[in-house]
Amino acid sequence: MEWLVLAYLGVMNLAALWMMGADKSRARQKRRRISEKRLLWTGALGGSLGLGLGMRIFHHKTRHAAFQWGVPFLIVLHFVLIYYLFVGIWDYGR
């Protein structure tokens, strides 16, 4: 089951990274953009690290408060959830 979770997270993070790059490209070309809501939902559903990397790599959405505070919060939250999924709070009594 762990490999399935890791595969899902990998896909979500690659999608989030791609979306940040695509949105930055669309912004430069004055084309229709990817909504902030969609970007944040992609991050919340497992793509937070990809979203954070996209912010750094593409210098995109770095001044928006929802991204400045929300993305780091989601990254920490996801790492905590992954830790408890793989290490588990149930292993402490053994």
Foldseek 3Di string as FASTA:
>chain_A
DLVVVVVVLVVLQVVLLVLLVVQLVCVVVVHDHDDPVVSLVSLLVRNLVSNVVSCVVSVPPCPPPCNVPVSVVSVVVVVVVSCCVVVNPVPPVD
